Amino acid sequence: MKTREGVENTREPSLNMEVELNLKLMH
């Protein structure tokens, strides 16, 4: 999961923000 997150972050920082929010909601 962390690997995919890193890839998405490198591809589009905007998407990373959404992913971080999702992780916070998941937690």
PDB file of N, CA and C in Angstrom:
ATOM      1  N   MET A   1       0.847  -1.197   0.000  1.00  0.00           N
ATOM      2  CA  MET A   1       0.000   0.000   0.000  1.00  0.00           C
ATOM      3  C   MET A   1       0.885   1.250   0.000  1.00  0.00           C
ATOM      4  N   LYS A   2       1.904   1.211   0.818  1.00  0.00           N
ATOM      5  CA  LYS A   2       2.795   2.375   0.898  1.00  0.00           C
ATOM      6  C   LYS A   2       3.460   2.618  -0.460  1.00  0.00           C
ATOM      7  N   THR A   3       3.804   1.536  -1.133  1.00  0.00           N
ATOM      8  CA  THR A   3       4.467   1.684  -2.439  1.00  0.00           C
ATOM      9  C   THR A   3       3.523   2.386  -3.411  1.00  0.00           C
ATOM     10  N   ARG A   4       2.292   1.969  -3.421  1.00  0.00           N
ATOM     11  CA  ARG A   4       1.325   2.575  -4.355  1.00  0.00           C
ATOM     12  C   ARG A   4       1.142   4.057  -4.002  1.00  0.00           C
ATOM     13  N   GLU A   5       1.099   4.346  -2.730  1.00  0.00           N
ATOM     14  CA  GLU A   5       0.924   5.733  -2.300  1.00  0.00           C
ATOM     15  C   GLU A   5       2.074   6.587  -2.834  1.00  0.00           C
ATOM     16  N   GLY A   6       3.287   6.080  -2.674  1.00  0.00           N
ATOM     17  CA  GLY A   6       4.458   6.827  -3.148  1.00  0.00           C
ATOM     18  C   GLY A   6       4.362   7.073  -4.646  1.00  0.00           C
ATOM     19  N   VAL A   7       3.962   6.067  -5.382  1.00  0.00           N
ATOM     20  CA  VAL A   7       3.856   6.215  -6.841  1.00  0.00           C
ATOM     21  C   VAL A   7       2.818   7.275  -7.175  1.00  0.00           C
ATOM     22  N   GLU A   8       1.678   7.209  -6.522  1.00  0.00           N
ATOM     23  CA  GLU A   8       0.614   8.186  -6.807  1.00  0.00           C
ATOM     24  C   GLU A   8       1.086   9.588  -6.444  1.00  0.00           C
ATOM     25  N   ASN A   9       1.773   9.703  -5.335  1.00  0.00           N
ATOM     26  CA  ASN A   9       2.256  11.012  -4.895  1.00  0.00           C
ATOM     27  C   ASN A   9       3.209  11.582  -5.936  1.00  0.00           C
ATOM     28  N   THR A  10       4.095  10.747  -6.454  1.00  0.00           N
ATOM     29  CA  THR A  10       5.059  11.225  -7.453  1.00  0.00           C
ATOM     30  C   THR A  10       4.329  11.582  -8.745  1.00  0.00           C
ATOM     31  N   ARG A  11       3.307  10.839  -9.063  1.00  0.00           N
ATOM     32  CA  ARG A  11       2.569  11.091 -10.319  1.00  0.00           C
ATOM     33  C   ARG A  11       1.773  12.385 -10.206  1.00  0.00           C
ATOM     34  N   GLU A  12       0.992  12.480  -9.143  1.00  0.00           N
ATOM     35  CA  GLU A  12       0.156  13.683  -8.984  1.00  0.00           C
ATOM     36  C   GLU A  12       0.045  14.043  -7.507  1.00  0.00           C
ATOM     37  N   PRO A  13       0.719  15.094  -7.094  1.00  0.00           N
ATOM     38  CA  PRO A  13       0.684  15.522  -5.685  1.00  0.00           C
ATOM     39  C   PRO A  13      -0.751  15.816  -5.237  1.00  0.00           C
ATOM     40  N   SER A  14      -1.576  16.261  -6.165  1.00  0.00           N
ATOM     41  CA  SER A  14      -2.965  16.571  -5.813  1.00  0.00           C
ATOM     42  C   SER A  14      -3.671  15.297  -5.328  1.00  0.00           C
ATOM     43  N   LEU A  15      -3.433  14.211  -6.057  1.00  0.00           N
ATOM     44  CA  LEU A  15      -4.069  12.940  -5.675  1.00  0.00           C
ATOM     45  C   LEU A  15      -3.556  12.503  -4.308  1.00  0.00           C
ATOM     46  N   ASN A  16      -2.291  12.747  -4.060  1.00  0.00           N
ATOM     47  CA  ASN A  16      -1.701  12.340  -2.777  1.00  0.00           C
ATOM     48  C   ASN A  16      -2.495  12.959  -1.628  1.00  0.00           C
ATOM     49  N   MET A  17      -2.881  14.211  -1.788  1.00  0.00           N
ATOM     50  CA  MET A  17      -3.638  14.889  -0.730  1.00  0.00           C
ATOM     51  C   MET A  17      -4.917  14.101  -0.430  1.00  0.00           C
ATOM     52  N   GLU A  18      -5.611  13.710  -1.490  1.00  0.00           N
ATOM     53  CA  GLU A  18      -6.853  12.939  -1.286  1.00  0.00           C
ATOM     54  C   GLU A  18      -6.547  11.609  -0.616  1.00  0.00           C
ATOM     55  N   VAL A  19      -5.464  10.981  -1.019  1.00  0.00           N
ATOM     56  CA  VAL A  19      -5.084   9.685  -0.430  1.00  0.00           C
ATOM     57  C   VAL A  19      -4.809   9.868   1.057  1.00  0.00           C
ATOM     58  N   GLU A  20      -4.134  10.938   1.394  1.00  0.00           N
ATOM     59  CA  GLU A  20      -3.824  11.171   2.819  1.00  0.00           C
ATOM     60  C   GLU A  20      -5.124  11.326   3.604  1.00  0.00           C
ATOM     61  N   LEU A  21      -6.071  12.056   3.035  1.00  0.00           N
ATOM     62  CA  LEU A  21      -7.354  12.250   3.731  1.00  0.00           C
ATOM     63  C   LEU A  21      -8.043  10.901   3.908  1.00  0.00           C
ATOM     64  N   ASN A  22      -7.991  10.094   2.862  1.00  0.00           N
ATOM     65  CA  ASN A  22      -8.622   8.763   2.944  1.00  0.00           C
ATOM     66  C   ASN A  22      -7.977   7.956   4.058  1.00  0.00           C
ATOM     67  N   LEU A  23      -6.655   8.032   4.146  1.00  0.00           N
ATOM     68  CA  LEU A  23      -5.946   7.260   5.185  1.00  0.00           C
ATOM     69  C   LEU A  23      -6.398   7.743   6.562  1.00  0.00           C
ATOM     70  N   LYS A  24      -6.550   9.046   6.712  1.00  0.00           N
ATOM     71  CA  LYS A  24      -6.971   9.586   8.007  1.00  0.00           C
ATOM     72  C   LYS A  24      -8.373   9.074   8.343  1.00  0.00           C
ATOM     73  N   LEU A  25      -9.244   9.061   7.343  1.00  0.00           N
ATOM     74  CA  LEU A  25     -10.614   8.580   7.588  1.00  0.00           C
ATOM     75  C   LEU A  25     -10.578   7.101   7.940  1.00  0.00           C
ATOM     76  N   MET A  26      -9.741   6.355   7.238  1.00  0.00           N
ATOM     77  CA  MET A  26      -9.625   4.919   7.501  1.00  0.00           C
ATOM     78  C   MET A  26      -9.153   4.701   8.932  1.00  0.00           C
ATOM     79  N   HIS A  27      -8.175   5.487   9.338  1.00  0.00           N
ATOM     80  CA  HIS A  27      -7.642   5.328  10.700  1.00  0.00           C
ATOM     81  C   HIS A  27      -8.712   5.781  11.688  1.00  0.00           C
TER      82      HIS A  27
END
